[in-house]
């Protein structure tokens, strides 16, 4: 494990200390969990943006979704929602 020093504004530091005390947990543990969750979310957003760019670039091309397959999947989703 490595150490990373992050200067925090007083209000953020105080809030972190309050939360750590309220949860009876070390502040470093809370920060590690928050940072890990943020990194996962950033990766999810990057992947979603890449998929969106790809879909926009390939719309109407041979790599686009087959219209019959798309219609069938939409029908399936509506049928699943009504159950």
C-alpha atoms as a PDB file:
ATOM      1  CA  UNK A   1       0.000   0.000   0.000  1.00  0.00           C
ATOM      2  CA  UNK A   2       1.216   3.516  -0.782  1.00  0.00           C
ATOM      3  CA  UNK A   3       0.624   6.811   0.946  1.00  0.00           C
ATOM      4  CA  UNK A   4      -0.795   9.804  -0.919  1.00  0.00           C
ATOM      5  CA  UNK A   5      -0.897  13.189   0.795  1.00  0.00           C
ATOM      6  CA  UNK A   6      -3.935  15.321  -0.088  1.00  0.00           C
ATOM      7  CA  UNK A   7      -4.288  18.767   1.463  1.00  0.00           C
ATOM      8  CA  UNK A   8      -7.959  19.406   2.267  1.00  0.00           C
ATOM      9  CA  UNK A   9      -9.815  22.657   2.883  1.00  0.00           C
ATOM     10  CA  UNK A  10     -10.832  23.016   6.534  1.00  0.00           C
ATOM     11  CA  UNK A  11     -14.535  22.404   5.875  1.00  0.00           C
ATOM     12  CA  UNK A  12     -13.854  19.180   3.976  1.00  0.00           C
ATOM     13  CA  UNK A  13     -11.391  17.981   6.602  1.00  0.00           C
ATOM     14  CA  UNK A  14     -13.837  18.770   9.417  1.00  0.00           C
ATOM     15  CA  UNK A  15     -16.680  16.983   7.630  1.00  0.00           C
ATOM     16  CA  UNK A  16     -14.519  13.933   7.034  1.00  0.00           C
ATOM     17  CA  UNK A  17     -13.477  13.836  10.699  1.00  0.00           C
ATOM     18  CA  UNK A  18     -17.121  14.137  11.807  1.00  0.00           C
ATOM     19  CA  UNK A  19     -18.171  11.273   9.543  1.00  0.00           C
ATOM     20  CA  UNK A  20     -15.266   9.125  10.693  1.00  0.00           C
ATOM     21  CA  UNK A  21     -16.179   9.719  14.322  1.00  0.00           C
ATOM     22  CA  UNK A  22     -19.880   9.088  13.681  1.00  0.00           C
ATOM     23  CA  UNK A  23     -19.108   5.794  11.912  1.00  0.00           C
ATOM     24  CA  UNK A  24     -16.333   4.911  14.381  1.00  0.00           C
ATOM     25  CA  UNK A  25     -14.022   4.317  11.427  1.00  0.00           C
ATOM     26  CA  UNK A  26     -10.692   5.757  10.377  1.00  0.00           C
ATOM     27  CA  UNK A  27     -10.966   8.734   8.032  1.00  0.00           C
ATOM     28  CA  UNK A  28      -8.451   7.068   5.712  1.00  0.00           C
ATOM     29  CA  UNK A  29     -10.787   4.099   5.283  1.00  0.00           C
ATOM     30  CA  UNK A  30     -13.674   6.383   4.341  1.00  0.00           C
ATOM     31  CA  UNK A  31     -11.504   8.275   1.853  1.00  0.00           C
ATOM     32  CA  UNK A  32     -10.234   5.020   0.288  1.00  0.00           C
ATOM     33  CA  UNK A  33     -13.813   3.769  -0.170  1.00  0.00           C
ATOM     34  CA  UNK A  34     -15.002   7.097  -1.590  1.00  0.00           C
ATOM     35  CA  UNK A  35     -12.083   7.284  -4.001  1.00  0.00           C
ATOM     36  CA  UNK A  36     -12.559   3.680  -5.132  1.00  0.00           C
ATOM     37  CA  UNK A  37     -16.274   4.312  -5.768  1.00  0.00           C
ATOM     38  CA  UNK A  38     -15.457   7.516  -7.687  1.00  0.00           C
ATOM     39  CA  UNK A  39     -12.931   5.698  -9.880  1.00  0.00           C
ATOM     40  CA  UNK A  40     -15.444   2.945 -10.675  1.00  0.00           C
ATOM     41  CA  UNK A  41     -18.060   5.555 -11.590  1.00  0.00           C
ATOM     42  CA  UNK A  42     -15.576   7.462 -13.795  1.00  0.00           C
ATOM     43  CA  UNK A  43     -14.723   4.246 -15.654  1.00  0.00           C
ATOM     44  CA  UNK A  44     -18.435   3.477 -16.098  1.00  0.00           C
ATOM     45  CA  UNK A  45     -19.009   6.962 -17.519  1.00  0.00           C
ATOM     46  CA  UNK A  46     -16.031   6.686 -19.880  1.00  0.00           C
ATOM     47  CA  UNK A  47     -17.287   3.345 -21.165  1.00  0.00           C
ATOM     48  CA  UNK A  48     -20.812   4.698 -21.659  1.00  0.00           C
ATOM     49  CA  UNK A  49     -19.420   7.703 -23.548  1.00  0.00           C
ATOM     50  CA  UNK A  50     -17.275   5.448 -25.754  1.00  0.00           C
ATOM     51  CA  UNK A  51     -20.288   3.272 -26.554  1.00  0.00           C
ATOM     52  CA  UNK A  52     -22.335   6.379 -27.324  1.00  0.00           C
ATOM     53  CA  UNK A  53     -19.643   7.732 -29.673  1.00  0.00           C
ATOM     54  CA  UNK A  54     -19.338   4.358 -31.413  1.00  0.00           C
ATOM     55  CA  UNK A  55     -23.112   4.027 -31.806  1.00  0.00           C
ATOM     56  CA  UNK A  56     -23.376   7.536 -33.267  1.00  0.00           C
ATOM     57  CA  UNK A  57     -20.477   6.926 -35.652  1.00  0.00           C
ATOM     58  CA  UNK A  58     -21.838   3.586 -36.865  1.00  0.00           C
ATOM     59  CA  UNK A  59     -25.527   4.542 -37.089  1.00  0.00           C
ATOM     60  CA  UNK A  60     -26.883   3.412 -40.422  1.00  0.00           C
ATOM     61  CA  UNK A  61     -23.773   1.388 -41.272  1.00  0.00           C
ATOM     62  CA  UNK A  62     -23.382  -2.377 -41.537  1.00  0.00           C
ATOM     63  CA  UNK A  63     -22.460  -2.373 -37.829  1.00  0.00           C
ATOM     64  CA  UNK A  64     -25.757  -0.791 -36.790  1.00  0.00           C
ATOM     65  CA  UNK A  65     -28.394  -2.945 -35.085  1.00  0.00           C
ATOM     66  CA  UNK A  66     -30.572  -4.915 -37.477  1.00  0.00           C
ATOM     67  CA  UNK A  67     -33.992  -3.149 -37.577  1.00  0.00           C
ATOM     68  CA  UNK A  68     -35.929  -6.416 -37.144  1.00  0.00           C
ATOM     69  CA  UNK A  69     -33.785  -7.442 -34.184  1.00  0.00           C
ATOM     70  CA  UNK A  70     -34.175  -3.989 -32.626  1.00  0.00           C
ATOM     71  CA  UNK A  71     -37.967  -4.101 -33.021  1.00  0.00           C
ATOM     72  CA  UNK A  72     -38.112  -7.563 -31.473  1.00  0.00           C
ATOM     73  CA  UNK A  73     -36.020  -6.459 -28.498  1.00  0.00           C
ATOM     74  CA  UNK A  74     -38.222  -3.405 -27.931  1.00  0.00           C
ATOM     75  CA  UNK A  75     -41.323  -5.595 -28.010  1.00  0.00           C
ATOM     76  CA  UNK A  76     -39.684  -7.958 -25.535  1.00  0.00           C
ATOM     77  CA  UNK A  77     -38.815  -5.099 -23.169  1.00  0.00           C
ATOM     78  CA  UNK A  78     -42.363  -3.706 -23.276  1.00  0.00           C
ATOM     79  CA  UNK A  79     -43.775  -7.179 -22.658  1.00  0.00           C
ATOM     80  CA  UNK A  80     -41.416  -7.678 -19.686  1.00  0.00           C
ATOM     81  CA  UNK A  81     -42.428  -4.290 -18.232  1.00  0.00           C
ATOM     82  CA  UNK A  82     -46.135  -5.155 -18.365  1.00  0.00           C
ATOM     83  CA  UNK A  83     -45.683  -8.340 -16.328  1.00  0.00           C
END
